N, C-alpha and C. Protein backbone atom coordinates (compact mmCIF):
# COMPACT_ATOMS: atom_id res chain seq x y z
N UNK A 1 -35.68 -39.78 -21.90
CA UNK A 1 -35.98 -38.85 -20.77
C UNK A 1 -34.89 -39.49 -19.61
N UNK A 2 -34.76 -40.68 -19.36
CA UNK A 2 -33.94 -41.31 -18.38
C UNK A 2 -32.30 -41.18 -18.69
N UNK A 3 -32.10 -40.97 -20.14
CA UNK A 3 -30.63 -40.60 -20.64
C UNK A 3 -30.25 -39.46 -20.11
N UNK A 4 -31.34 -38.37 -20.43
CA UNK A 4 -31.23 -37.08 -20.11
C UNK A 4 -30.92 -36.75 -18.87
N UNK A 5 -32.02 -37.41 -17.83
CA UNK A 5 -31.53 -37.16 -16.55
C UNK A 5 -30.10 -37.82 -16.01
N UNK A 6 -29.70 -39.05 -16.54
CA UNK A 6 -28.21 -39.56 -16.30
C UNK A 6 -27.50 -38.49 -16.44
N UNK A 7 -27.43 -37.77 -17.77
CA UNK A 7 -26.31 -36.72 -18.02
C UNK A 7 -26.30 -35.77 -17.12
N UNK A 8 -27.67 -35.26 -16.76
CA UNK A 8 -27.68 -34.15 -15.53
C UNK A 8 -27.10 -34.58 -14.19
N UNK A 9 -27.33 -35.98 -13.97
CA UNK A 9 -26.86 -36.39 -12.73
C UNK A 9 -25.42 -36.49 -12.51
N UNK A 10 -24.72 -36.93 -13.68
CA UNK A 10 -23.30 -36.79 -13.86
C UNK A 10 -22.75 -35.53 -13.94
N UNK A 11 -23.28 -34.32 -14.51
CA UNK A 11 -22.96 -33.01 -14.20
C UNK A 11 -23.09 -32.51 -12.85
N UNK A 12 -24.05 -32.92 -12.29
CA UNK A 12 -24.16 -32.43 -10.70
C UNK A 12 -22.93 -33.06 -9.91
N UNK A 13 -22.87 -34.25 -10.09
CA UNK A 13 -21.64 -35.12 -9.46
C UNK A 13 -20.32 -34.41 -9.80
N UNK A 14 -20.17 -34.42 -11.01
CA UNK A 14 -18.78 -33.52 -11.40
C UNK A 14 -18.72 -31.88 -10.83
N UNK A 15 -19.76 -31.31 -10.58
CA UNK A 15 -19.82 -30.07 -10.00
C UNK A 15 -19.49 -30.13 -8.79
N UNK A 16 -20.39 -31.19 -7.91
CA UNK A 16 -20.01 -31.09 -6.51
C UNK A 16 -18.60 -31.52 -6.19
N UNK A 17 -18.08 -32.28 -7.18
CA UNK A 17 -16.72 -32.79 -6.83
C UNK A 17 -15.53 -31.52 -6.91
N UNK A 18 -15.95 -30.76 -8.06
CA UNK A 18 -15.29 -29.61 -8.31
C UNK A 18 -15.11 -28.70 -6.98
N UNK A 19 -16.38 -28.39 -6.62
CA UNK A 19 -16.65 -27.43 -5.38
C UNK A 19 -15.89 -28.09 -4.22
N UNK A 20 -16.04 -29.35 -3.89
CA UNK A 20 -15.59 -29.95 -2.56
C UNK A 20 -14.12 -30.11 -2.82
N UNK A 21 -13.38 -29.89 -3.93
CA UNK A 21 -12.10 -29.90 -4.11
C UNK A 21 -11.39 -28.86 -4.24
N UNK A 22 -11.95 -27.75 -4.26
CA UNK A 22 -11.81 -26.46 -4.50
C UNK A 22 -10.74 -26.25 -3.34
N UNK A 23 -9.47 -25.46 -3.49
CA UNK A 23 -8.43 -25.07 -2.56
C UNK A 23 -8.91 -23.88 -1.86
N UNK A 24 -9.26 -22.80 -2.64
CA UNK A 24 -9.46 -21.65 -1.99
C UNK A 24 -11.04 -21.20 -1.80
N UNK A 25 -11.52 -21.51 -0.64
CA UNK A 25 -13.04 -21.38 -0.55
C UNK A 25 -13.58 -20.05 -0.24
N UNK A 26 -12.94 -19.37 0.42
CA UNK A 26 -13.43 -17.84 0.70
C UNK A 26 -12.45 -17.30 1.33
N UNK A 27 -12.49 -15.87 1.59
CA UNK A 27 -11.25 -15.03 2.00
C UNK A 27 -11.58 -15.13 3.54
N UNK A 28 -10.32 -15.46 4.20
CA UNK A 28 -10.60 -15.51 5.89
C UNK A 28 -10.08 -14.28 6.25
N UNK A 29 -9.13 -13.56 5.66
CA UNK A 29 -8.72 -12.41 6.18
C UNK A 29 -8.06 -11.43 5.36
N UNK A 30 -8.34 -10.04 5.80
CA UNK A 30 -7.70 -9.11 4.96
C UNK A 30 -6.65 -8.64 5.84
N UNK A 31 -5.34 -8.75 5.50
CA UNK A 31 -4.36 -8.33 6.56
C UNK A 31 -3.52 -7.30 5.87
N UNK A 32 -3.55 -6.21 6.71
CA UNK A 32 -2.98 -5.00 6.66
C UNK A 32 -1.64 -4.83 7.21
N UNK A 33 -0.48 -4.59 6.52
CA UNK A 33 0.60 -4.52 7.13
C UNK A 33 0.92 -2.87 7.53
N UNK A 34 1.02 -2.75 8.70
CA UNK A 34 1.22 -1.36 9.30
C UNK A 34 2.38 -1.06 10.04
N UNK A 35 2.44 0.38 10.23
CA UNK A 35 4.07 0.97 10.59
C UNK A 35 3.63 0.80 12.13
N UNK A 36 2.70 1.16 12.70
CA UNK A 36 2.63 1.26 14.24
C UNK A 36 1.19 0.44 14.79
N UNK A 37 1.37 -0.57 15.11
CA UNK A 37 0.02 -1.65 15.35
C UNK A 37 -0.65 -0.76 16.45
N UNK A 38 -0.17 -0.31 17.53
CA UNK A 38 -1.08 0.53 18.32
C UNK A 38 -1.78 1.52 17.83
N UNK A 39 -1.19 2.39 17.11
CA UNK A 39 -1.87 3.45 16.53
C UNK A 39 -2.72 3.08 15.75
N UNK A 40 -2.76 1.87 14.73
CA UNK A 40 -3.71 1.24 13.80
C UNK A 40 -4.84 0.65 14.56
N UNK A 41 -4.19 -0.05 15.77
CA UNK A 41 -5.25 -0.70 16.42
C UNK A 41 -6.34 0.38 17.11
N UNK A 42 -6.03 1.59 17.61
CA UNK A 42 -6.67 2.52 18.02
C UNK A 42 -7.72 3.08 17.09
N UNK A 43 -7.12 3.31 15.81
CA UNK A 43 -8.00 3.78 14.84
C UNK A 43 -9.03 2.80 14.32
N UNK A 44 -8.59 1.46 14.16
CA UNK A 44 -9.70 0.80 13.84
C UNK A 44 -10.80 0.16 14.87
N UNK A 45 -10.21 0.22 16.18
CA UNK A 45 -11.07 -0.24 17.18
C UNK A 45 -11.68 1.09 17.63
N UNK A 46 -11.21 2.16 18.09
CA UNK A 46 -12.02 3.42 18.44
C UNK A 46 -12.67 4.32 17.78
N UNK A 47 -11.71 4.54 16.43
CA UNK A 47 -12.49 5.57 15.38
C UNK A 47 -13.62 4.76 14.87
N UNK A 48 -13.14 3.75 14.00
CA UNK A 48 -14.01 2.94 13.17
C UNK A 48 -15.02 2.03 13.97
N UNK A 49 -14.75 1.84 15.41
CA UNK A 49 -15.60 0.86 16.30
C UNK A 49 -15.75 -0.47 15.60
N UNK A 50 -14.49 -1.27 15.06
CA UNK A 50 -14.68 -2.55 14.78
C UNK A 50 -14.59 -3.29 15.97
N UNK A 51 -15.29 -4.44 16.10
CA UNK A 51 -15.09 -5.12 17.10
C UNK A 51 -13.80 -5.96 17.12
N UNK A 52 -13.15 -5.87 18.44
CA UNK A 52 -11.82 -6.72 18.14
C UNK A 52 -12.12 -8.42 18.67
N UNK A 53 -11.39 -9.10 17.91
CA UNK A 53 -11.66 -10.61 18.18
C UNK A 53 -10.33 -11.06 19.13
N UNK A 54 -9.11 -10.81 18.51
CA UNK A 54 -7.98 -11.25 19.29
C UNK A 54 -7.03 -9.89 19.11
N UNK A 55 -6.08 -9.79 20.12
CA UNK A 55 -4.83 -9.04 20.09
C UNK A 55 -3.77 -9.88 20.52
N UNK A 56 -2.38 -9.09 20.11
CA UNK A 56 -1.11 -9.71 20.53
C UNK A 56 -0.43 -8.47 20.02
N UNK A 57 1.15 -8.74 20.56
CA UNK A 57 1.77 -7.52 19.85
C UNK A 57 2.00 -7.59 18.55
N UNK A 58 2.00 -8.72 17.86
CA UNK A 58 2.22 -8.99 16.40
C UNK A 58 0.68 -8.98 15.79
N UNK A 59 -0.31 -8.86 15.93
CA UNK A 59 -1.51 -9.21 15.44
C UNK A 59 -2.71 -8.89 16.11
N UNK A 60 -3.45 -8.15 15.34
CA UNK A 60 -4.93 -7.78 15.90
C UNK A 60 -5.91 -7.96 14.84
N UNK A 61 -7.03 -8.86 15.36
CA UNK A 61 -8.01 -9.37 14.39
C UNK A 61 -9.42 -8.57 14.87
N UNK A 62 -10.08 -8.27 13.79
CA UNK A 62 -11.34 -7.50 14.22
C UNK A 62 -12.49 -8.45 13.39
N UNK A 63 -13.68 -8.52 14.31
CA UNK A 63 -14.92 -9.53 13.61
C UNK A 63 -14.73 -10.77 14.11
N UNK A 64 -15.64 -11.19 14.96
CA UNK A 64 -15.60 -12.94 15.26
C UNK A 64 -15.89 -13.65 14.46
N UNK A 65 -16.73 -13.38 13.49
CA UNK A 65 -17.27 -14.45 12.11
C UNK A 65 -17.17 -13.88 11.02
N UNK A 66 -16.94 -14.74 10.03
CA UNK A 66 -16.57 -14.46 8.58
C UNK A 66 -15.43 -14.03 8.37
N UNK A 67 -15.13 -13.11 7.39
CA UNK A 67 -13.74 -12.62 7.04
C UNK A 67 -13.42 -11.80 8.04
N UNK A 68 -12.22 -11.66 8.65
CA UNK A 68 -11.63 -10.88 9.52
C UNK A 68 -10.73 -9.76 9.02
N UNK A 69 -10.71 -8.77 9.42
CA UNK A 69 -10.00 -7.62 9.11
C UNK A 69 -8.59 -7.77 10.21
N UNK A 70 -7.34 -7.95 9.95
CA UNK A 70 -6.15 -8.08 10.56
C UNK A 70 -5.18 -7.23 10.50
N UNK A 71 -4.55 -6.84 11.41
CA UNK A 71 -3.58 -5.83 11.36
C UNK A 71 -2.11 -6.49 11.79
N UNK A 72 -0.92 -6.41 11.18
CA UNK A 72 0.36 -6.97 11.19
C UNK A 72 1.35 -5.84 11.32
N UNK A 73 2.49 -5.96 12.22
CA UNK A 73 3.39 -5.03 12.09
C UNK A 73 4.33 -5.22 10.59
N UNK A 74 4.70 -4.10 10.18
CA UNK A 74 5.27 -4.57 8.95
C UNK A 74 6.91 -4.67 9.34
N UNK A 75 7.63 -5.70 8.76
CA UNK A 75 9.15 -5.41 9.31
C UNK A 75 10.04 -4.64 8.43
N UNK A 76 9.61 -4.26 7.45
CA UNK A 76 10.29 -3.24 6.64
C UNK A 76 9.60 -2.07 6.45
N UNK A 77 10.53 -1.03 6.34
CA UNK A 77 9.62 0.41 6.14
C UNK A 77 8.90 0.49 4.71
N UNK A 78 7.71 -0.18 4.73
CA UNK A 78 6.91 -0.22 3.24
C UNK A 78 6.27 1.05 3.26
N UNK A 79 6.16 1.25 1.88
CA UNK A 79 5.44 2.69 1.65
C UNK A 79 3.98 1.95 1.45
N UNK A 80 2.99 2.21 2.39
CA UNK A 80 1.55 1.76 2.23
C UNK A 80 0.78 2.60 1.44
N UNK A 81 1.16 4.07 1.28
CA UNK A 81 0.34 5.02 0.65
C UNK A 81 0.02 4.78 -0.72
N UNK A 82 -0.96 4.48 -1.18
CA UNK A 82 -1.86 4.02 -2.46
C UNK A 82 -1.37 2.85 -2.87
N UNK A 83 -1.37 2.15 -1.79
CA UNK A 83 -0.74 0.60 -2.35
C UNK A 83 -1.55 -0.25 -3.26
N UNK A 84 -2.54 0.22 -3.48
CA UNK A 84 -3.61 -0.39 -4.60
C UNK A 84 -4.49 -1.37 -4.08
N UNK A 85 -4.44 -1.35 -2.55
CA UNK A 85 -5.39 -2.04 -1.67
C UNK A 85 -6.74 -1.32 -1.26
N UNK A 86 -7.94 -1.70 -1.22
CA UNK A 86 -9.06 -1.02 -0.82
C UNK A 86 -9.98 -1.94 -0.36
N UNK A 87 -10.19 -1.91 1.12
CA UNK A 87 -10.68 -2.49 2.24
C UNK A 87 -12.28 -1.93 2.03
N UNK A 88 -13.09 -2.69 2.01
CA UNK A 88 -14.68 -2.10 2.00
C UNK A 88 -15.44 -2.63 3.01
N UNK A 89 -16.39 -1.71 3.44
CA UNK A 89 -17.34 -1.89 4.68
C UNK A 89 -18.59 -1.51 3.89
N UNK A 90 -19.62 -2.39 4.51
CA UNK A 90 -21.06 -1.91 4.20
C UNK A 90 -21.65 -1.19 5.66
N UNK A 91 -22.29 -0.24 5.42
CA UNK A 91 -22.99 0.52 6.54
C UNK A 91 -24.28 0.73 6.08
N UNK A 92 -25.24 1.01 7.29
CA UNK A 92 -26.67 1.05 7.01
C UNK A 92 -26.98 2.69 6.78
N UNK A 93 -26.35 3.57 7.29
CA UNK A 93 -26.59 5.10 7.18
C UNK A 93 -25.32 5.71 7.00
N UNK A 94 -24.88 5.88 5.59
CA UNK A 94 -23.47 6.53 5.50
C UNK A 94 -23.41 7.96 5.92
N UNK A 95 -24.58 8.83 5.89
CA UNK A 95 -24.50 10.24 6.33
C UNK A 95 -23.96 10.17 7.73
N UNK A 96 -24.47 9.25 8.62
CA UNK A 96 -24.41 9.11 9.89
C UNK A 96 -22.94 8.97 10.39
N UNK A 97 -22.56 7.81 9.59
CA UNK A 97 -21.30 7.36 9.94
C UNK A 97 -20.20 8.08 9.50
N UNK A 98 -20.31 9.08 8.17
CA UNK A 98 -19.32 10.00 7.60
C UNK A 98 -19.39 11.12 8.66
N UNK A 99 -20.28 11.54 9.19
CA UNK A 99 -20.43 12.48 10.20
C UNK A 99 -19.71 12.31 11.58
N UNK A 100 -19.86 10.92 11.87
CA UNK A 100 -19.14 10.37 13.15
C UNK A 100 -17.60 10.76 12.98
N UNK A 101 -17.17 9.94 11.65
CA UNK A 101 -15.81 10.08 11.48
C UNK A 101 -15.33 11.41 11.00
N UNK A 102 -15.85 12.40 10.52
CA UNK A 102 -15.71 13.63 10.55
C UNK A 102 -15.10 14.44 11.96
N UNK A 103 -16.20 14.04 12.70
CA UNK A 103 -15.92 14.51 14.17
C UNK A 103 -14.75 14.03 14.84
N UNK A 104 -14.37 12.56 14.59
CA UNK A 104 -13.04 12.16 14.80
C UNK A 104 -11.99 12.61 14.17
N UNK A 105 -12.01 13.67 13.07
CA UNK A 105 -10.91 14.15 12.23
C UNK A 105 -10.40 13.18 11.43
N UNK A 106 -11.20 12.29 10.97
CA UNK A 106 -10.54 11.40 10.01
C UNK A 106 -10.55 11.65 8.46
N UNK A 107 -9.25 11.37 7.82
CA UNK A 107 -9.20 12.06 6.55
C UNK A 107 -9.96 11.26 5.50
N UNK A 108 -10.66 12.11 4.81
CA UNK A 108 -11.68 11.53 3.58
C UNK A 108 -10.79 11.65 2.26
N UNK A 109 -10.46 10.60 1.72
CA UNK A 109 -9.89 10.32 0.38
C UNK A 109 -11.20 10.81 -0.84
N UNK A 110 -12.46 10.44 -0.47
CA UNK A 110 -13.49 10.69 -1.21
C UNK A 110 -14.57 10.95 -0.14
N UNK A 111 -15.18 12.20 -0.66
CA UNK A 111 -16.31 12.73 0.34
C UNK A 111 -17.57 11.82 -0.03
N UNK A 112 -18.35 11.68 0.98
CA UNK A 112 -19.65 11.10 0.75
C UNK A 112 -20.32 11.25 -0.60
N UNK A 113 -20.67 10.50 -1.65
CA UNK A 113 -21.44 10.93 -2.66
C UNK A 113 -22.40 9.86 -3.18
N UNK A 114 -23.50 10.33 -3.70
CA UNK A 114 -24.55 9.53 -4.38
C UNK A 114 -24.00 8.76 -5.63
N UNK A 115 -24.00 7.45 -5.62
CA UNK A 115 -23.74 6.59 -6.76
C UNK A 115 -24.68 6.03 -7.40
N UNK A 116 -24.63 5.25 -8.19
CA UNK A 116 -25.60 4.48 -8.89
C UNK A 116 -26.17 3.22 -8.08
N UNK A 117 -25.22 2.88 -7.19
CA UNK A 117 -25.58 1.58 -6.25
C UNK A 117 -25.80 2.05 -5.02
N UNK A 118 -25.76 3.47 -4.58
CA UNK A 118 -26.03 3.84 -3.29
C UNK A 118 -25.28 4.83 -2.87
N UNK A 119 -24.87 5.04 -1.63
CA UNK A 119 -24.06 6.26 -1.18
C UNK A 119 -22.53 5.67 -0.96
N UNK A 120 -21.51 6.36 -1.17
CA UNK A 120 -19.96 6.02 -0.96
C UNK A 120 -19.18 6.84 -0.67
N UNK A 121 -18.29 6.60 0.24
CA UNK A 121 -17.09 7.50 0.68
C UNK A 121 -15.86 6.72 0.97
N UNK A 122 -14.75 7.29 0.77
CA UNK A 122 -13.50 6.67 0.99
C UNK A 122 -12.71 7.33 2.09
N UNK A 123 -12.07 6.61 3.25
CA UNK A 123 -11.36 7.44 4.08
C UNK A 123 -9.82 6.66 4.13
N UNK A 124 -9.25 7.32 4.69
CA UNK A 124 -7.68 6.83 4.90
C UNK A 124 -7.23 6.31 6.25
N UNK A 125 -6.55 5.16 6.36
CA UNK A 125 -6.23 4.96 7.97
C UNK A 125 -4.72 5.53 8.07
N UNK A 126 -4.37 5.38 9.47
CA UNK A 126 -3.23 6.24 9.52
C UNK A 126 -1.85 5.64 8.78
N UNK A 127 -2.03 4.52 7.89
CA UNK A 127 -0.74 4.36 7.24
C UNK A 127 -1.05 4.43 5.63
N UNK A 128 -2.13 5.09 5.54
CA UNK A 128 -2.50 5.26 3.97
C UNK A 128 -3.30 4.39 3.26
N UNK A 129 -3.74 3.42 4.10
CA UNK A 129 -4.68 2.40 3.34
C UNK A 129 -6.02 2.91 3.20
N UNK A 130 -6.60 2.82 1.93
CA UNK A 130 -7.84 3.34 1.62
C UNK A 130 -8.86 2.34 2.15
N UNK A 131 -10.08 3.00 2.79
CA UNK A 131 -11.13 2.05 3.42
C UNK A 131 -12.54 2.59 2.66
N UNK A 132 -13.12 1.99 1.88
CA UNK A 132 -14.19 2.20 1.19
C UNK A 132 -15.53 1.98 2.21
N UNK A 133 -16.53 2.73 2.26
CA UNK A 133 -17.66 2.74 2.98
C UNK A 133 -18.81 3.03 2.09
N UNK A 134 -19.71 2.13 2.26
CA UNK A 134 -20.68 2.10 1.18
C UNK A 134 -22.24 1.75 1.91
N UNK A 135 -23.15 2.43 1.72
CA UNK A 135 -24.48 2.21 1.84
C UNK A 135 -25.15 1.74 0.45
N UNK A 136 -25.64 0.45 0.41
CA UNK A 136 -26.14 0.00 -0.79
C UNK A 136 -27.65 0.51 -1.00
N UNK A 137 -27.96 0.88 -1.94
CA UNK A 137 -29.58 1.25 -2.20
C UNK A 137 -30.11 -0.10 -2.26
N UNK A 138 -31.51 -0.22 -1.68
CA UNK A 138 -32.07 -1.44 -1.94
C UNK A 138 -32.24 -1.97 -3.32
N UNK A 139 -32.34 -1.18 -4.25
CA UNK A 139 -32.74 -1.56 -5.88
C UNK A 139 -31.51 -2.05 -6.34
N UNK A 140 -30.20 -1.75 -5.69
CA UNK A 140 -28.93 -2.07 -6.36
C UNK A 140 -28.69 -3.70 -6.38
N UNK A 141 -28.64 -4.19 -7.59
CA UNK A 141 -28.36 -5.80 -7.44
C UNK A 141 -27.24 -6.08 -8.39
N UNK A 142 -26.59 -5.23 -9.10
CA UNK A 142 -25.41 -5.37 -9.42
C UNK A 142 -24.10 -5.27 -8.81
N UNK A 143 -24.21 -4.53 -7.65
CA UNK A 143 -23.16 -3.96 -6.72
C UNK A 143 -22.32 -3.08 -7.38
N UNK A 144 -21.01 -3.04 -6.63
CA UNK A 144 -20.17 -1.89 -6.98
C UNK A 144 -19.39 -1.71 -8.36
N UNK A 145 -19.53 -0.50 -8.55
CA UNK A 145 -18.39 -0.10 -9.82
C UNK A 145 -17.26 0.13 -9.49
N UNK A 146 -16.55 -0.76 -9.58
CA UNK A 146 -15.13 -0.61 -8.86
C UNK A 146 -14.29 0.36 -9.27
N UNK A 147 -14.40 0.83 -10.65
CA UNK A 147 -13.55 1.86 -11.06
C UNK A 147 -13.90 3.17 -10.46
N UNK A 148 -15.36 3.34 -10.66
CA UNK A 148 -15.99 4.47 -9.83
C UNK A 148 -15.85 4.49 -8.42
N UNK A 149 -15.60 3.54 -7.76
CA UNK A 149 -15.14 3.40 -6.28
C UNK A 149 -14.01 4.20 -5.88
N UNK A 150 -13.11 4.00 -6.68
CA UNK A 150 -11.62 4.49 -6.40
C UNK A 150 -11.58 6.01 -6.92
N UNK A 151 -11.95 6.29 -7.61
CA UNK A 151 -11.77 7.74 -8.34
C UNK A 151 -12.42 8.95 -7.29
N UNK A 152 -11.54 9.61 -6.82
CA UNK A 152 -12.03 10.78 -6.08
C UNK A 152 -12.47 12.03 -6.79
N UNK A 153 -13.29 12.77 -6.71
CA UNK A 153 -13.67 13.75 -7.51
C UNK A 153 -13.71 14.98 -6.84
């Protein structure tokens, strides 16, 4: 039994060492390159009502703890439409949020729809970035179906 416990202890020490030396520990920011930082800031701040953490002419951050969403002006005329990036937000009442966004004339890439994990919609920001909005059902434990999230029907 002592030999078995010793092996478990060694595995735990190696595991703790691995995690303490891990270079990438969490996502600190999702940074969106935008063509017009003022227009994009107004969209995220005023339309989506994200809390602003910091602003400068070259950088806008939303949320004060955890992963931030940041805006940064693009130096080149990049094409962001359908860039392959999907920023996702969780909400507690998708129907209410979707109606609020429709009232503000936000473009929907995917209308609100009941999915296996809960309710889901995708909107488009001023630069064409896709933004996922999901209300997870209490019984959902497996998370998102990423392929189902992106498809618009």
